[in-house]
């Protein structure tokens, strides 16, 4: 099996410009400094694409763009409604170091499920890049004509997660609730993130109120409140924590819980 580092090197070598696709909900967790440095060493232009911006509040996405723009030109898009794709096309043609009138080869890299193929399809305007909610769906390198001189090099999810990154894999939907070793732990992480960044959205979605500022409230207590509100109870009236955790994970992964 070809290592992800070899695939990244090949993409950087063959592309005129690189897109690093990150999940707008987890911009810091889903960018990769090692890959970015490899692009800079190759003296190739880099654009950071904040994908899934439809799942994040405008305030959060603007803050992330401001921080990331200090590293490289940053564009936020929603591959779901295709917002931001015109700006991305403009940036690609503006920054690519190619002869006037020549085609621009665009390489896409990123963690699994950040939406690399979906970003390409949004820019192309049709489903030319194969997509799936299953991690690792893209099996090989695909070359895709996007028109207006732009050609994409679509790659598999070339940046692997470490063995101990199950929580981020659950939050990124790399693993669904049936494949997680600790669904309750993943659900608690989701609750913590929601409380820190958009407590009111969590309260509104599950129709309950968190006393205090949310961040000081124990996430386990909040999970039990959600289970109680959802009527997920065992025979003795205790909250079914696992069933509650699975619901929270599914709501998050299906894009119902919005930051």
Protein backbone atom coordinates (compact mmCIF):
# COMPACT_ATOMS: atom_id res chain seq x y z
CA UNK A 1 0.00 0.00 0.00
CA UNK A 2 1.32 3.44 -0.91
CA UNK A 3 1.85 5.59 2.19
CA UNK A 4 -0.10 8.80 2.59
CA UNK A 5 3.20 10.73 2.63
CA UNK A 6 4.07 9.37 -0.81
CA UNK A 7 0.62 10.34 -2.12
CA UNK A 8 0.98 13.85 -0.67
CA UNK A 9 4.42 14.24 -2.22
CA UNK A 10 3.06 13.12 -5.58
CA UNK A 11 0.10 15.52 -5.42
CA UNK A 12 2.33 18.45 -4.44
CA UNK A 13 4.79 17.61 -7.22
CA UNK A 14 2.13 17.34 -9.94
CA UNK A 15 -0.12 20.22 -8.89
CA UNK A 16 0.32 23.91 -9.60
CA UNK A 17 -1.62 24.85 -6.46
CA UNK A 18 -2.77 22.93 -3.39
CA UNK A 19 -6.09 23.07 -1.55
CA UNK A 20 -6.03 21.94 2.06
CA UNK A 21 -9.64 21.13 2.89
CA UNK A 22 -10.53 21.39 6.57
CA UNK A 23 -13.80 20.99 8.46
CA UNK A 24 -15.06 24.44 9.49
CA UNK A 25 -16.35 22.98 12.77
CA UNK A 26 -12.83 21.80 13.68
CA UNK A 27 -10.45 24.03 11.73
CA UNK A 28 -7.47 23.59 14.05
CA UNK A 29 -7.94 19.85 14.50
CA UNK A 30 -8.29 19.17 10.78
CA UNK A 31 -5.43 21.21 9.37
CA UNK A 32 -2.05 19.54 9.11
CA UNK A 33 1.08 21.59 9.71
CA UNK A 34 3.35 18.90 8.25
CA UNK A 35 1.52 18.93 4.92
CA UNK A 36 1.45 22.72 4.86
CA UNK A 37 5.21 22.88 5.40
CA UNK A 38 5.74 20.38 2.57
CA UNK A 39 3.74 22.66 0.25
CA UNK A 40 5.73 25.72 1.31
CA UNK A 41 9.05 23.89 0.85
CA UNK A 42 7.99 22.96 -2.67
CA UNK A 43 7.26 26.67 -3.24
CA UNK A 44 3.73 25.89 -4.35
CA UNK A 45 0.77 28.16 -3.54
CA UNK A 46 -1.59 26.92 -0.82
CA UNK A 47 -5.25 27.76 -0.24
CA UNK A 48 -6.95 26.66 2.98
CA UNK A 49 -10.58 25.77 2.29
CA UNK A 50 -12.92 25.90 5.29
CA UNK A 51 -15.62 23.47 4.18
CA UNK A 52 -19.05 22.82 5.75
CA UNK A 53 -19.48 26.47 6.69
CA UNK A 54 -23.25 25.91 6.60
CA UNK A 55 -22.83 23.99 9.88
CA UNK A 56 -21.06 26.87 11.65
CA UNK A 57 -22.20 30.31 12.80
CA UNK A 58 -21.01 33.30 10.78
CA UNK A 59 -19.10 34.59 13.83
CA UNK A 60 -17.12 31.35 14.22
CA UNK A 61 -16.33 31.05 10.53
CA UNK A 62 -15.13 34.65 10.29
CA UNK A 63 -12.87 34.16 13.32
CA UNK A 64 -11.37 31.01 11.81
CA UNK A 65 -10.82 32.70 8.46
CA UNK A 66 -9.07 35.62 10.13
CA UNK A 67 -6.66 33.30 11.97
CA UNK A 68 -5.99 31.03 9.01
CA UNK A 69 -5.42 33.89 6.59
CA UNK A 70 -2.18 34.56 8.48
CA UNK A 71 -0.98 31.12 7.32
CA UNK A 72 -2.30 31.07 3.76
CA UNK A 73 -5.12 32.56 1.67
CA UNK A 74 -8.34 31.16 3.13
CA UNK A 75 -11.75 30.65 1.55
CA UNK A 76 -14.82 29.28 3.28
CA UNK A 77 -17.41 27.39 1.29
CA UNK A 78 -20.40 25.14 1.69
CA UNK A 79 -20.26 22.23 -0.70
CA UNK A 80 -23.92 21.66 0.21
CA UNK A 81 -25.27 24.93 -1.19
CA UNK A 82 -22.17 25.82 -3.27
CA UNK A 83 -21.65 29.17 -1.52
CA UNK A 84 -18.08 30.41 -1.81
CA UNK A 85 -17.24 28.39 -4.90
CA UNK A 86 -16.93 31.45 -7.15
CA UNK A 87 -14.42 32.98 -4.73
CA UNK A 88 -12.48 29.71 -4.63
CA UNK A 89 -12.28 29.62 -8.44
CA UNK A 90 -11.08 33.22 -8.44
CA UNK A 91 -8.39 32.50 -5.84
CA UNK A 92 -7.15 29.43 -7.71
CA UNK A 93 -6.69 31.36 -10.96
CA UNK A 94 -5.24 34.37 -9.13
CA UNK A 95 -2.61 32.47 -7.14
CA UNK A 96 -1.57 29.65 -9.46
CA UNK A 97 1.88 30.26 -10.88
CA UNK A 98 1.28 29.14 -14.47
CA UNK A 99 1.72 30.72 -17.88
CA UNK A 100 -1.17 32.88 -19.02
CA UNK A 101 -3.82 30.75 -20.70
CA UNK A 102 -2.41 27.45 -19.37
CA UNK A 103 -4.45 24.93 -17.43
CA UNK A 104 -4.12 24.95 -13.65
CA UNK A 105 -3.65 21.57 -11.93
CA UNK A 106 -5.21 21.76 -8.46
CA UNK A 107 -4.32 19.18 -5.82
CA UNK A 108 -6.67 18.53 -2.89
CA UNK A 109 -5.45 17.12 0.42
CA UNK A 110 -6.97 16.72 3.85
CA UNK A 111 -8.25 14.36 6.50
CA UNK A 112 -10.98 11.83 5.70
CA UNK A 113 -14.52 13.25 5.68
CA UNK A 114 -13.49 16.90 5.52
CA UNK A 115 -15.24 16.89 2.14
CA UNK A 116 -12.47 17.09 -0.46
CA UNK A 117 -14.49 15.41 -3.20
CA UNK A 118 -17.60 17.42 -2.27
CA UNK A 119 -15.63 20.66 -2.60
CA UNK A 120 -14.49 19.62 -6.07
CA UNK A 121 -18.05 18.77 -7.10
CA UNK A 122 -19.29 22.12 -5.80
CA UNK A 123 -16.71 23.98 -7.88
CA UNK A 124 -17.24 21.80 -10.95
CA UNK A 125 -21.01 22.10 -10.66
CA UNK A 126 -21.67 18.38 -11.05
CA UNK A 127 -20.88 15.14 -9.26
CA UNK A 128 -17.72 14.20 -11.13
CA UNK A 129 -15.81 13.26 -7.97
CA UNK A 130 -17.20 10.18 -6.25
CA UNK A 131 -18.39 10.89 -2.71
CA UNK A 132 -19.65 8.90 0.26
CA UNK A 133 -20.22 9.34 3.99
CA UNK A 134 -17.97 6.30 4.45
CA UNK A 135 -14.40 7.22 5.35
CA UNK A 136 -11.81 6.32 2.73
CA UNK A 137 -14.36 6.10 -0.11
CA UNK A 138 -12.00 7.73 -2.62
CA UNK A 139 -9.66 4.85 -3.44
CA UNK A 140 -7.32 6.34 -6.03
CA UNK A 141 -6.25 9.55 -7.68
CA UNK A 142 -8.84 11.02 -10.05
CA UNK A 143 -8.29 13.84 -12.56
CA UNK A 144 -11.35 16.03 -12.98
CA UNK A 145 -11.93 18.84 -15.47
CA UNK A 146 -13.63 21.79 -13.76
CA UNK A 147 -13.69 24.07 -16.79
CA UNK A 148 -12.20 27.59 -17.06
CA UNK A 149 -8.68 26.09 -17.23
CA UNK A 150 -9.03 24.37 -13.82
CA UNK A 151 -8.29 20.67 -13.44
CA UNK A 152 -8.51 18.91 -10.07
CA UNK A 153 -6.42 16.05 -8.73
CA UNK A 154 -8.75 14.29 -6.29
CA UNK A 155 -7.05 12.04 -3.74
CA UNK A 156 -8.06 9.53 -1.07
CA UNK A 157 -8.23 10.77 2.54
CA UNK A 158 -4.48 10.89 2.57
CA UNK A 159 -3.84 12.17 6.09
CA UNK A 160 -4.49 9.33 8.56
CA UNK A 161 -5.62 9.75 12.13
CA UNK A 162 -3.58 8.33 14.98
CA UNK A 163 -4.83 5.30 16.87
CA UNK A 164 -5.84 7.45 19.83
CA UNK A 165 -7.98 9.95 17.90
CA UNK A 166 -11.33 8.18 18.22
CA UNK A 167 -13.04 11.24 19.67
CA UNK A 168 -12.17 13.45 16.71
CA UNK A 169 -13.03 10.58 14.33
CA UNK A 170 -16.47 10.39 15.91
CA UNK A 171 -16.97 14.14 15.75
CA UNK A 172 -15.87 14.20 12.09
CA UNK A 173 -18.12 11.23 11.23
CA UNK A 174 -15.12 9.16 10.17
CA UNK A 175 -16.67 6.51 12.44
CA UNK A 176 -20.39 6.32 13.11
CA UNK A 177 -21.85 5.43 16.51
CA UNK A 178 -21.85 1.69 15.74
CA UNK A 179 -18.07 1.66 15.18
CA UNK A 180 -17.00 3.76 18.17
CA UNK A 181 -15.48 2.11 21.20
CA UNK A 182 -16.69 4.88 23.52
CA UNK A 183 -19.88 6.51 22.17
CA UNK A 184 -20.61 8.16 25.51
CA UNK A 185 -17.16 9.77 25.55
CA UNK A 186 -17.67 11.10 22.01
CA UNK A 187 -21.12 12.46 22.94
CA UNK A 188 -19.60 14.24 25.94
CA UNK A 189 -17.02 15.87 23.64
CA UNK A 190 -19.82 17.07 21.35
CA UNK A 191 -21.68 18.52 24.34
CA UNK A 192 -18.53 20.28 25.56
CA UNK A 193 -17.94 21.84 22.14
CA UNK A 194 -21.55 22.95 21.80
CA UNK A 195 -21.54 24.47 25.29
CA UNK A 196 -18.32 26.35 24.58
CA UNK A 197 -19.31 27.68 21.15
CA UNK A 198 -23.11 27.70 20.82
CA UNK A 199 -24.92 26.67 24.01
CA UNK A 200 -28.20 28.20 22.89
CA UNK A 201 -28.27 25.98 19.78
CA UNK A 202 -27.90 22.89 21.97
CA UNK A 203 -30.66 24.07 24.30
CA UNK A 204 -32.97 24.94 21.43
CA UNK A 205 -32.45 21.66 19.59
CA UNK A 206 -33.19 19.47 22.62
CA UNK A 207 -35.69 21.93 24.12
CA UNK A 208 -34.12 22.27 27.56
CA UNK A 209 -32.20 24.85 29.57
CA UNK A 210 -28.68 24.58 30.94
CA UNK A 211 -28.27 26.50 34.16
CA UNK A 212 -25.26 28.82 34.33
CA UNK A 213 -22.83 29.48 31.48
CA UNK A 214 -22.78 25.91 30.16
CA UNK A 215 -19.01 25.53 30.19
CA UNK A 216 -19.04 25.15 33.98
CA UNK A 217 -21.84 22.56 33.81
CA UNK A 218 -20.73 18.94 33.85
CA UNK A 219 -21.19 17.49 30.35
CA UNK A 220 -22.28 14.16 31.85
CA UNK A 221 -25.13 15.90 33.70
CA UNK A 222 -26.15 17.58 30.44
CA UNK A 223 -26.15 14.21 28.64
CA UNK A 224 -28.51 12.87 31.31
CA UNK A 225 -30.75 15.92 30.92
CA UNK A 226 -30.96 15.30 27.18
CA UNK A 227 -31.77 11.63 27.83
CA UNK A 228 -34.48 12.62 30.27
CA UNK A 229 -35.94 15.15 27.83
CA UNK A 230 -35.86 12.52 25.07
CA UNK A 231 -37.57 10.01 27.39
CA UNK A 232 -34.70 7.57 26.93
CA UNK A 233 -35.26 5.71 30.18
CA UNK A 234 -34.51 2.22 31.44
CA UNK A 235 -37.01 0.10 33.33
CA UNK A 236 -36.11 1.59 36.71
CA UNK A 237 -36.50 5.13 35.42
CA UNK A 238 -32.75 5.73 35.00
CA UNK A 239 -31.52 7.53 31.89
CA UNK A 240 -30.29 5.20 29.14
CA UNK A 241 -26.92 6.89 28.68
CA UNK A 242 -25.83 4.81 25.68
CA UNK A 243 -29.05 5.41 23.75
CA UNK A 244 -28.79 9.12 24.54
CA UNK A 245 -25.14 9.23 23.42
CA UNK A 246 -26.01 7.51 20.13
CA UNK A 247 -28.75 10.07 19.45
CA UNK A 248 -26.41 12.99 20.13
CA UNK A 249 -23.73 11.51 17.85
CA UNK A 250 -26.25 10.85 15.06
CA UNK A 251 -27.74 14.35 15.37
CA UNK A 252 -24.24 15.82 15.16
CA UNK A 253 -23.01 13.67 12.28
CA UNK A 254 -26.20 14.25 10.27
CA UNK A 255 -25.74 18.03 10.52
CA UNK A 256 -28.75 18.66 12.75
CA UNK A 257 -26.71 20.14 15.60
CA UNK A 258 -25.23 23.37 14.26
CA UNK A 259 -22.35 25.36 15.72
